[in-house]
C-alpha atoms as a PDB file:
ATOM      1  CA  MET A   1       0.316  40.157  24.217  1.00  0.00           C
ATOM      2  CA  THR A   2       2.498  37.075  24.657  1.00  0.00           C
ATOM      3  CA  LYS A   3       1.390  33.644  23.137  1.00  0.00           C
ATOM      4  CA  THR A   4       2.420  30.586  25.280  1.00  0.00           C
ATOM      5  CA  THR A   5       3.408  27.513  23.278  1.00  0.00           C
ATOM      6  CA  GLU A   6       2.288  24.208  24.811  1.00  0.00           C
ATOM      7  CA  THR A   7       4.160  21.176  23.749  1.00  0.00           C
ATOM      8  CA  VAL A   8       2.135  18.054  23.856  1.00  0.00           C
ATOM      9  CA  ALA A   9       3.933  14.980  24.824  1.00  0.00           C
ATOM     10  CA  PRO A  10       3.588  12.248  22.143  1.00  0.00           C
ATOM     11  CA  LEU A  11       1.317   9.207  22.844  1.00  0.00           C
ATOM     12  CA  TRP A  12       3.691   7.192  20.757  1.00  0.00           C
ATOM     13  CA  ARG A  13       6.987   7.884  18.994  1.00  0.00           C
ATOM     14  CA  ASP A  14       9.422   5.393  17.152  1.00  0.00           C
ATOM     15  CA  ARG A  15      11.679   5.262  14.119  1.00  0.00           C
ATOM     16  CA  LYS A  16      11.673   2.988  11.241  1.00  0.00           C
ATOM     17  CA  HIS A  17      13.995   0.128  12.171  1.00  0.00           C
ATOM     18  CA  PHE A  18      16.537  -2.059  10.211  1.00  0.00           C
ATOM     19  CA  MET A  19      16.473  -5.397  11.921  1.00  0.00           C
ATOM     20  CA  TRP A  20      16.172  -4.148  15.608  1.00  0.00           C
ATOM     21  CA  PHE A  21      18.435  -1.081  15.100  1.00  0.00           C
ATOM     22  CA  PRO A  22      16.546   2.341  14.516  1.00  0.00           C
ATOM     23  CA  PHE A  23      19.047   3.393  11.896  1.00  0.00           C
ATOM     24  CA  SER A  24      16.630   5.519   9.901  1.00  0.00           C
ATOM     25  CA  PHE A  25      15.766   9.219   9.179  1.00  0.00           C
ATOM     26  CA  THR A  26      11.988   8.193   9.323  1.00  0.00           C
ATOM     27  CA  VAL A  27      10.261   9.198  12.461  1.00  0.00           C
ATOM     28  CA  TYR A  28       6.733   8.344  13.329  1.00  0.00           C
ATOM     29  CA  GLU A  29       4.734  10.279  16.172  1.00  0.00           C
ATOM     30  CA  VAL A  30       1.223  10.230  17.357  1.00  0.00           C
ATOM     31  CA  LYS A  31       0.172  13.299  19.439  1.00  0.00           C
ATOM     32  CA  LYS A  32      -3.444  14.070  20.651  1.00  0.00           C
ATOM     33  CA  ASP A  33      -5.453  13.790  17.361  1.00  0.00           C
ATOM     34  CA  ARG A  34      -2.809  13.647  14.734  1.00  0.00           C
ATOM     35  CA  LEU A  35      -0.054  11.360  13.223  1.00  0.00           C
ATOM     36  CA  TYR A  36       3.231  12.874  12.079  1.00  0.00           C
ATOM     37  CA  ILE A  37       5.602  11.397   9.834  1.00  0.00           C
ATOM     38  CA  GLN A  38       9.146  13.047   9.256  1.00  0.00           C
ATOM     39  CA  ARG A  39      11.320  11.505   6.512  1.00  0.00           C
ATOM     40  CA  GLY A  40      14.857  12.365   5.245  1.00  0.00           C
ATOM     41  CA  LEU A  41      18.214  13.776   6.434  1.00  0.00           C
ATOM     42  CA  PHE A  42      19.363  16.142   3.887  1.00  0.00           C
ATOM     43  CA  SER A  43      15.950  16.881   2.287  1.00  0.00           C
ATOM     44  CA  THR A  44      13.177  16.332   4.970  1.00  0.00           C
ATOM     45  CA  SER A  45       9.520  16.044   4.460  1.00  0.00           C
ATOM     46  CA  PHE A  46       6.797  16.347   7.146  1.00  0.00           C
ATOM     47  CA  ASP A  47       3.410  14.692   6.699  1.00  0.00           C
ATOM     48  CA  GLU A  48       0.339  15.148   9.013  1.00  0.00           C
ATOM     49  CA  THR A  49      -2.735  13.157   9.139  1.00  0.00           C
ATOM     50  CA  LEU A  50      -5.757  13.746  11.304  1.00  0.00           C
ATOM     51  CA  LEU A  51      -6.629  10.536  13.222  1.00  0.00           C
ATOM     52  CA  TYR A  52     -10.488  10.656  12.677  1.00  0.00           C
ATOM     53  CA  ARG A  53      -9.739  10.291   8.819  1.00  0.00           C
ATOM     54  CA  ILE A  54      -8.058   6.877   9.293  1.00  0.00           C
ATOM     55  CA  THR A  55     -10.635   4.226   8.291  1.00  0.00           C
ATOM     56  CA  ASP A  56      -8.582   0.856   8.510  1.00  0.00           C
ATOM     57  CA  ILE A  57      -5.638  -0.449  10.222  1.00  0.00           C
ATOM     58  CA  LYS A  58      -3.714  -3.523   9.093  1.00  0.00           C
ATOM     59  CA  LEU A  59      -0.768  -5.083  10.721  1.00  0.00           C
ATOM     60  CA  THR A  60       1.651  -7.238   8.719  1.00  0.00           C
ATOM     61  CA  ARG A  61       4.708  -9.127  10.010  1.00  0.00           C
ATOM     62  CA  THR A  62       7.174 -11.116   7.917  1.00  0.00           C
ATOM     63  CA  LEU A  63       9.173 -13.865   9.437  1.00  0.00           C
ATOM     64  CA  GLY A  64      12.167 -11.426   9.680  1.00  0.00           C
ATOM     65  CA  GLN A  65      10.100  -8.833  11.421  1.00  0.00           C
ATOM     66  CA  LYS A  66       8.798 -11.521  13.812  1.00  0.00           C
ATOM     67  CA  ILE A  67      12.454 -12.514  14.551  1.00  0.00           C
ATOM     68  CA  PHE A  68      13.370  -8.837  15.118  1.00  0.00           C
ATOM     69  CA  GLY A  69      10.406  -7.816  17.021  1.00  0.00           C
ATOM     70  CA  THR A  70       9.129  -5.325  14.444  1.00  0.00           C
ATOM     71  CA  GLY A  71       6.141  -5.044  12.103  1.00  0.00           C
ATOM     72  CA  THR A  72       4.476  -2.812   9.482  1.00  0.00           C
ATOM     73  CA  ILE A  73       1.183  -1.139   9.979  1.00  0.00           C
ATOM     74  CA  GLU A  74      -0.943   0.119   6.966  1.00  0.00           C
ATOM     75  CA  LEU A  75      -3.470   2.863   7.341  1.00  0.00           C
ATOM     76  CA  CYS A  76      -6.060   3.478   5.018  1.00  0.00           C
ATOM     77  CA  THR A  77      -7.358   7.142   5.060  1.00  0.00           C
ATOM     78  CA  THR A  78      -9.962   9.384   3.510  1.00  0.00           C
ATOM     79  CA  VAL A  79      -7.294  11.825   2.339  1.00  0.00           C
ATOM     80  CA  ASP A  80      -7.143  13.033  -1.279  1.00  0.00           C
ATOM     81  CA  HIS A  81      -3.586  12.558  -2.213  1.00  0.00           C
ATOM     82  CA  ASP A  82      -2.725   9.186  -1.024  1.00  0.00           C
ATOM     83  CA  GLY A  83      -5.137   6.982   0.832  1.00  0.00           C
ATOM     84  CA  HIS A  84      -2.397   4.568   2.227  1.00  0.00           C
ATOM     85  CA  ILE A  85       0.213   5.334   4.928  1.00  0.00           C
ATOM     86  CA  LEU A  86       2.761   2.834   5.991  1.00  0.00           C
ATOM     87  CA  LEU A  87       4.526   2.695   9.279  1.00  0.00           C
ATOM     88  CA  GLU A  88       7.322   0.479   8.371  1.00  0.00           C
ATOM     89  CA  ASN A  89       9.371  -1.776  10.660  1.00  0.00           C
ATOM     90  CA  ILE A  90       8.256  -0.305  14.057  1.00  0.00           C
ATOM     91  CA  LYS A  91       8.791  -2.049  17.396  1.00  0.00           C
ATOM     92  CA  LYS A  92       5.875  -3.532  19.371  1.00  0.00           C
ATOM     93  CA  PRO A  93       3.605  -3.321  16.458  1.00  0.00           C
ATOM     94  CA  MET A  94       0.633  -4.924  18.118  1.00  0.00           C
ATOM     95  CA  GLN A  95       0.597  -2.328  20.883  1.00  0.00           C
ATOM     96  CA  VAL A  96       0.987   0.487  18.486  1.00  0.00           C
ATOM     97  CA  LYS A  97      -1.975  -0.964  16.362  1.00  0.00           C
ATOM     98  CA  GLU A  98      -4.191  -1.067  19.529  1.00  0.00           C
ATOM     99  CA  LEU A  99      -3.024   2.566  20.557  1.00  0.00           C
ATOM    100  CA  LEU A 100      -3.866   3.793  17.074  1.00  0.00           C
ATOM    101  CA  SER A 101      -7.307   1.928  17.113  1.00  0.00           C
ATOM    102  CA  GLU A 102      -8.154   3.588  20.454  1.00  0.00           C
ATOM    103  CA  SER A 103      -6.819   7.128  19.288  1.00  0.00           C
ATOM    104  CA  VAL A 104      -8.785   6.992  16.153  1.00  0.00           C
ATOM    105  CA  GLU A 105     -11.922   6.078  17.896  1.00  0.00           C
ATOM    106  CA  ASP A 106     -11.487   8.712  20.422  1.00  0.00           C
ATOM    107  CA  ALA A 107     -10.700  11.406  17.699  1.00  0.00           C
ATOM    108  CA  ARG A 108     -13.901  10.289  15.862  1.00  0.00           C
ATOM    109  CA  ASP A 109     -15.943  10.638  19.122  1.00  0.00           C
ATOM    110  CA  LYS A 110     -14.477  13.997  19.795  1.00  0.00           C
ATOM    111  CA  LYS A 111     -15.220  15.201  16.229  1.00  0.00           C
ATOM    112  CA  LYS A 112     -18.686  13.691  16.245  1.00  0.00           C
ATOM    113  CA  VAL A 113     -17.717  11.982  12.990  1.00  0.00           C
ATOM    114  CA  ILE A 114     -20.223   9.413  11.773  1.00  0.00           C
ATOM    115  CA  GLY A 115     -20.029   6.994   8.769  1.00  0.00           C
ATOM    116  CA  LYS A 116     -21.529   9.232   6.166  1.00  0.00           C
ATOM    117  CA  GLU A 117     -18.362  11.533   6.358  1.00  0.00           C
ATOM    118  CA  PHE A 118     -16.374   8.453   5.084  1.00  0.00           C
ATOM    119  CA  TYR A 119     -18.802   8.047   2.062  1.00  0.00           C
ATOM    120  CA  GLY A 120     -18.895  11.538   0.807  1.00  0.00           C
ATOM    121  CA  GLY A 121     -21.994  12.361   2.704  1.00  0.00           C
ATOM    122  CA  HIS A 122     -25.105  12.171   0.502  1.00  0.00           C
ATOM    123  CA  GLY A 123     -25.928  10.474  -2.831  1.00  0.00           C
ATOM    124  CA  MET A 124     -24.239   7.230  -2.088  1.00  0.00           C
ATOM    125  CA  ASP A 125     -26.262   4.080  -3.493  1.00  0.00           C
ATOM    126  CA  GLY A 126     -27.676   2.065  -0.548  1.00  0.00           C
ATOM    127  CA  LEU A 127     -27.572   4.873   1.989  1.00  0.00           C
ATOM    128  CA  HIS A 128     -30.760   6.876   2.571  1.00  0.00           C
ATOM    129  CA  ASP A 129     -32.491   8.633   5.528  1.00  0.00           C
ATOM    130  CA  LEU A 130     -35.598   6.618   5.670  1.00  0.00           C
ATOM    131  CA  ASP A 131     -36.836   7.369   9.220  1.00  0.00           C
ATOM    132  CA  GLY A 132     -35.868  11.131   9.196  1.00  0.00           C
ATOM    133  CA  ASP A 133     -33.543  10.961  12.013  1.00  0.00           C
ATOM    134  CA  GLY A 134     -30.557  12.518  10.050  1.00  0.00           C
ATOM    135  CA  GLU A 135     -28.652   9.174  10.072  1.00  0.00           C
ATOM    136  CA  PRO A 136     -28.404   7.120   6.846  1.00  0.00           C
ATOM    137  CA  ASP A 137     -30.206   3.782   6.800  1.00  0.00           C
ATOM    138  CA  ILE A 138     -28.778   0.933   4.666  1.00  0.00           C
ATOM    139  CA  VAL A 139     -31.179  -0.346   1.923  1.00  0.00           C
ATOM    140  CA  ASP A 140     -30.472  -3.579   0.140  1.00  0.00           C
END
């Protein structure tokens, strides 16, 4: 039996820039429901993050980044090893932030992820299922 390998076109792909030049061996890519980061030339590392695990997105732009049309996006995630991912010096950062926001929401909808997955599920102070619908209710 032969397996067919489908290549999925990326929704977004860029490199870390120096000024406006993409002189870097760091590549960022969003495909379907995952974020991929490849770093290095001689020793290369590959990181993969599921989009539904991203909880917050923050865009920062220094004066230099504004001049050169780049910015840095910080992603807060619910992963165990490091909860922060930086997409540094990327071009068109506002459009990328919006694309990531929409992609994260789509991934959460597809996986049917609700708030309690981000808080460890049960046992968190202030979250209780008072009305028995399976959803946590906030208690002051």
